[in-house]
Structure formats: structure tokens, C-alpha cells
Amino acid sequence: MGKFATKTGKDGQFYFNLKADNGQVILSSEGYTTTAARQNGIDSVKTNAKDDSKFDRLTSTNGKHYFNLKAGNGQVIGRSEMYESAAGMENGIESVKKNAPDAAVVED
């Protein structure tokens, strides 16, 4: 089962990374100004990860693939790493769908 690893950035903002069982980061958050806002972001990921339509599949200018997970209001709540292939990106999305709903929250 995956986990949400939380941390405070050098900028004083609060972040989370969704990590798979192997410790690989599969989704990273934006910065939040409070821990409560970060928790709301985590809860939103848990809810929205189940819905494939919430994933935007994108290609960067250098040809690498990545995805954003959006909340019901259309706001981006998490971004993936860059993948060499579309298939790799799809595996990342499936990993978010599998790991996010029941992931524990731990301080990194």
C-alpha cells in the first residue's frame, strides 16, 4: 500500500508526495500555506484518484509524458514525474489509482 509523505519546504509551505510501495514518488503536490490545506489536498487526491476523467495526460516540450490529477473544480492537486513513454505514464496513473485511496499519511 502506498503512503502520502508530508514535508515542510524550505519556503515554509507544506507539501506531500504520494509514494508507491517501492518508495517511488508517483504524484507530487503544489505548496500549501497550512497543514489543514495540505490535508484537504490529500483528501482530494484520495477521492479523485478513482476517476479516470480527472487525469490529464500531457506531453512536455521535450516529448516526455506526464499527468496532472485534477479536483472536481478543475484545480490541479498533483503532478507526476516525467515518463519516457505514454505506456509508462499510464502505469503511473494506474499506480495512483491503486495506491491513493487507502494510503496512510506519514511525515517524511
C-alpha atoms as a PDB file:
ATOM      1  CA  MET A   1       0.000   0.000   0.000  1.00  0.00           C
ATOM      2  CA  GLY A   2       1.266   3.466  -0.830  1.00  0.00           C
ATOM      3  CA  LYS A   3       1.673   6.415   1.501  1.00  0.00           C
ATOM      4  CA  PHE A   4       1.409  10.176   1.473  1.00  0.00           C
ATOM      5  CA  ALA A   5       4.744  11.512   2.710  1.00  0.00           C
ATOM      6  CA  THR A   6       4.342  15.046   4.033  1.00  0.00           C
ATOM      7  CA  LYS A   7       7.038  17.655   4.479  1.00  0.00           C
ATOM      8  CA  THR A   8       7.642  21.336   5.034  1.00  0.00           C
ATOM      9  CA  GLY A   9       9.619  23.004   2.267  1.00  0.00           C
ATOM     10  CA  LYS A  10      12.449  25.488   2.713  1.00  0.00           C
ATOM     11  CA  ASP A  11       9.926  28.096   1.548  1.00  0.00           C
ATOM     12  CA  GLY A  12       7.770  27.378   4.625  1.00  0.00           C
ATOM     13  CA  GLN A  13       4.999  25.802   2.583  1.00  0.00           C
ATOM     14  CA  PHE A  14       3.573  22.332   3.149  1.00  0.00           C
ATOM     15  CA  TYR A  15       3.850  19.565   0.537  1.00  0.00           C
ATOM     16  CA  PHE A  16       3.048  15.899   0.042  1.00  0.00           C
ATOM     17  CA  ASN A  17       4.282  13.150  -2.239  1.00  0.00           C
ATOM     18  CA  LEU A  18       2.276  10.020  -2.937  1.00  0.00           C
ATOM     19  CA  LYS A  19       4.739   7.130  -2.859  1.00  0.00           C
ATOM     20  CA  ALA A  20       4.244   3.587  -4.126  1.00  0.00           C
ATOM     21  CA  ASP A  21       5.187   0.506  -2.078  1.00  0.00           C
ATOM     22  CA  ASN A  22       8.714   0.627  -3.507  1.00  0.00           C
ATOM     23  CA  GLY A  23       9.167   4.223  -2.280  1.00  0.00           C
ATOM     24  CA  GLN A  24       8.981   5.774  -5.750  1.00  0.00           C
ATOM     25  CA  VAL A  25       7.184   9.130  -5.908  1.00  0.00           C
ATOM     26  CA  ILE A  26       4.172   8.801  -8.210  1.00  0.00           C
ATOM     27  CA  LEU A  27       2.440  12.140  -7.522  1.00  0.00           C
ATOM     28  CA  SER A  28       3.665  15.443  -6.052  1.00  0.00           C
ATOM     29  CA  SER A  29       1.608  18.307  -4.673  1.00  0.00           C
ATOM     30  CA  GLU A  30       1.767  22.031  -5.006  1.00  0.00           C
ATOM     31  CA  GLY A  31       2.748  24.074  -1.948  1.00  0.00           C
ATOM     32  CA  TYR A  32       0.066  24.767   0.648  1.00  0.00           C
ATOM     33  CA  THR A  33       0.111  27.602   3.178  1.00  0.00           C
ATOM     34  CA  THR A  34      -1.302  25.499   6.054  1.00  0.00           C
ATOM     35  CA  THR A  35      -1.227  21.869   7.116  1.00  0.00           C
ATOM     36  CA  ALA A  36      -5.045  21.846   7.014  1.00  0.00           C
ATOM     37  CA  ALA A  37      -4.983  22.916   3.358  1.00  0.00           C
ATOM     38  CA  ARG A  38      -2.426  20.191   2.644  1.00  0.00           C
ATOM     39  CA  GLN A  39      -4.696  17.624   4.315  1.00  0.00           C
ATOM     40  CA  ASN A  40      -7.580  18.823   2.144  1.00  0.00           C
ATOM     41  CA  GLY A  41      -5.330  18.248  -0.878  1.00  0.00           C
ATOM     42  CA  ILE A  42      -4.539  14.710   0.284  1.00  0.00           C
ATOM     43  CA  ASP A  43      -8.241  14.003   0.832  1.00  0.00           C
ATOM     44  CA  SER A  44      -8.975  15.349  -2.648  1.00  0.00           C
ATOM     45  CA  VAL A  45      -6.360  13.034  -4.188  1.00  0.00           C
ATOM     46  CA  LYS A  46      -7.892  10.056  -2.371  1.00  0.00           C
ATOM     47  CA  THR A  47     -11.328  10.944  -3.735  1.00  0.00           C
ATOM     48  CA  ASN A  48     -10.413  11.962  -7.279  1.00  0.00           C
ATOM     49  CA  ALA A  49      -7.834   9.233  -7.978  1.00  0.00           C
ATOM     50  CA  LYS A  50     -10.680   6.774  -8.543  1.00  0.00           C
ATOM     51  CA  ASP A  51     -12.000   8.759 -11.526  1.00  0.00           C
ATOM     52  CA  ASP A  52     -10.014   8.332 -14.757  1.00  0.00           C
ATOM     53  CA  SER A  53     -11.526  11.521 -16.204  1.00  0.00           C
ATOM     54  CA  LYS A  54      -9.693  13.544 -13.517  1.00  0.00           C
ATOM     55  CA  PHE A  55      -6.312  12.648 -15.038  1.00  0.00           C
ATOM     56  CA  ASP A  56      -4.959  14.975 -17.732  1.00  0.00           C
ATOM     57  CA  ARG A  57      -2.458  13.139 -19.908  1.00  0.00           C
ATOM     58  CA  LEU A  58       0.138  15.575 -21.244  1.00  0.00           C
ATOM     59  CA  THR A  59       3.339  15.727 -23.259  1.00  0.00           C
ATOM     60  CA  SER A  60       6.115  18.186 -22.432  1.00  0.00           C
ATOM     61  CA  THR A  61       8.035  20.230 -24.991  1.00  0.00           C
ATOM     62  CA  ASN A  62      10.863  17.680 -24.842  1.00  0.00           C
ATOM     63  CA  GLY A  63       8.499  14.830 -25.768  1.00  0.00           C
ATOM     64  CA  LYS A  64       8.248  13.248 -22.310  1.00  0.00           C
ATOM     65  CA  HIS A  65       4.884  12.248 -20.895  1.00  0.00           C
ATOM     66  CA  TYR A  66       3.328  13.269 -17.591  1.00  0.00           C
ATOM     67  CA  PHE A  67      -0.068  13.666 -15.988  1.00  0.00           C
ATOM     68  CA  ASN A  68      -1.930  16.007 -13.689  1.00  0.00           C
ATOM     69  CA  LEU A  69      -4.659  14.933 -11.306  1.00  0.00           C
ATOM     70  CA  LYS A  70      -7.442  17.495 -11.018  1.00  0.00           C
ATOM     71  CA  ALA A  71     -10.064  18.083  -8.356  1.00  0.00           C
ATOM     72  CA  GLY A  72     -13.760  18.413  -9.114  1.00  0.00           C
ATOM     73  CA  ASN A  73     -13.295  22.182  -9.517  1.00  0.00           C
ATOM     74  CA  GLY A  74     -10.617  21.641 -12.186  1.00  0.00           C
ATOM     75  CA  GLN A  75      -7.702  22.702  -9.973  1.00  0.00           C
ATOM     76  CA  VAL A  76      -4.509  20.614 -10.274  1.00  0.00           C
ATOM     77  CA  ILE A  77      -3.906  18.759  -6.998  1.00  0.00           C
ATOM     78  CA  GLY A  78      -0.977  16.610  -8.081  1.00  0.00           C
ATOM     79  CA  ARG A  79       1.567  16.235 -10.857  1.00  0.00           C
ATOM     80  CA  SER A  80       3.548  13.183 -11.911  1.00  0.00           C
ATOM     81  CA  GLU A  81       7.178  12.762 -12.791  1.00  0.00           C
ATOM     82  CA  MET A  82       8.221  12.733 -16.445  1.00  0.00           C
ATOM     83  CA  TYR A  83       7.954   9.420 -18.267  1.00  0.00           C
ATOM     84  CA  GLU A  84       9.828   8.328 -21.389  1.00  0.00           C
ATOM     85  CA  SER A  85       6.742   6.674 -22.874  1.00  0.00           C
ATOM     86  CA  ALA A  86       2.971   7.013 -22.850  1.00  0.00           C
ATOM     87  CA  ALA A  87       2.799   3.439 -21.527  1.00  0.00           C
ATOM     88  CA  GLY A  88       4.980   4.396 -18.574  1.00  0.00           C
ATOM     89  CA  MET A  89       2.690   7.340 -17.855  1.00  0.00           C
ATOM     90  CA  GLU A  90      -0.363   5.051 -17.966  1.00  0.00           C
ATOM     91  CA  ASN A  91       1.348   2.726 -15.473  1.00  0.00           C
ATOM     92  CA  GLY A  92       1.904   5.754 -13.228  1.00  0.00           C
ATOM     93  CA  ILE A  93      -1.781   6.673 -13.416  1.00  0.00           C
ATOM     94  CA  GLU A  94      -2.772   3.103 -12.544  1.00  0.00           C
ATOM     95  CA  SER A  95      -0.385   3.223  -9.588  1.00  0.00           C
ATOM     96  CA  VAL A  96      -2.032   6.428  -8.300  1.00  0.00           C
ATOM     97  CA  LYS A  97      -5.478   4.835  -8.689  1.00  0.00           C
ATOM     98  CA  LYS A  98      -4.303   1.762  -6.763  1.00  0.00           C
ATOM     99  CA  ASN A  99      -2.291   3.460  -4.018  1.00  0.00           C
ATOM    100  CA  ALA A 100      -4.041   6.755  -3.229  1.00  0.00           C
ATOM    101  CA  PRO A 101      -7.459   5.728  -1.857  1.00  0.00           C
ATOM    102  CA  ASP A 102      -6.137   3.821   1.187  1.00  0.00           C
ATOM    103  CA  ALA A 103      -2.699   5.411   1.592  1.00  0.00           C
ATOM    104  CA  ALA A 104      -1.575   6.373   5.072  1.00  0.00           C
ATOM    105  CA  VAL A 105      -0.229   9.848   5.799  1.00  0.00           C
ATOM    106  CA  VAL A 106       3.287   9.983   7.285  1.00  0.00           C
ATOM    107  CA  GLU A 107       5.756  12.785   7.989  1.00  0.00           C
ATOM    108  CA  ASP A 108       8.800  12.474   5.738  1.00  0.00           C
END
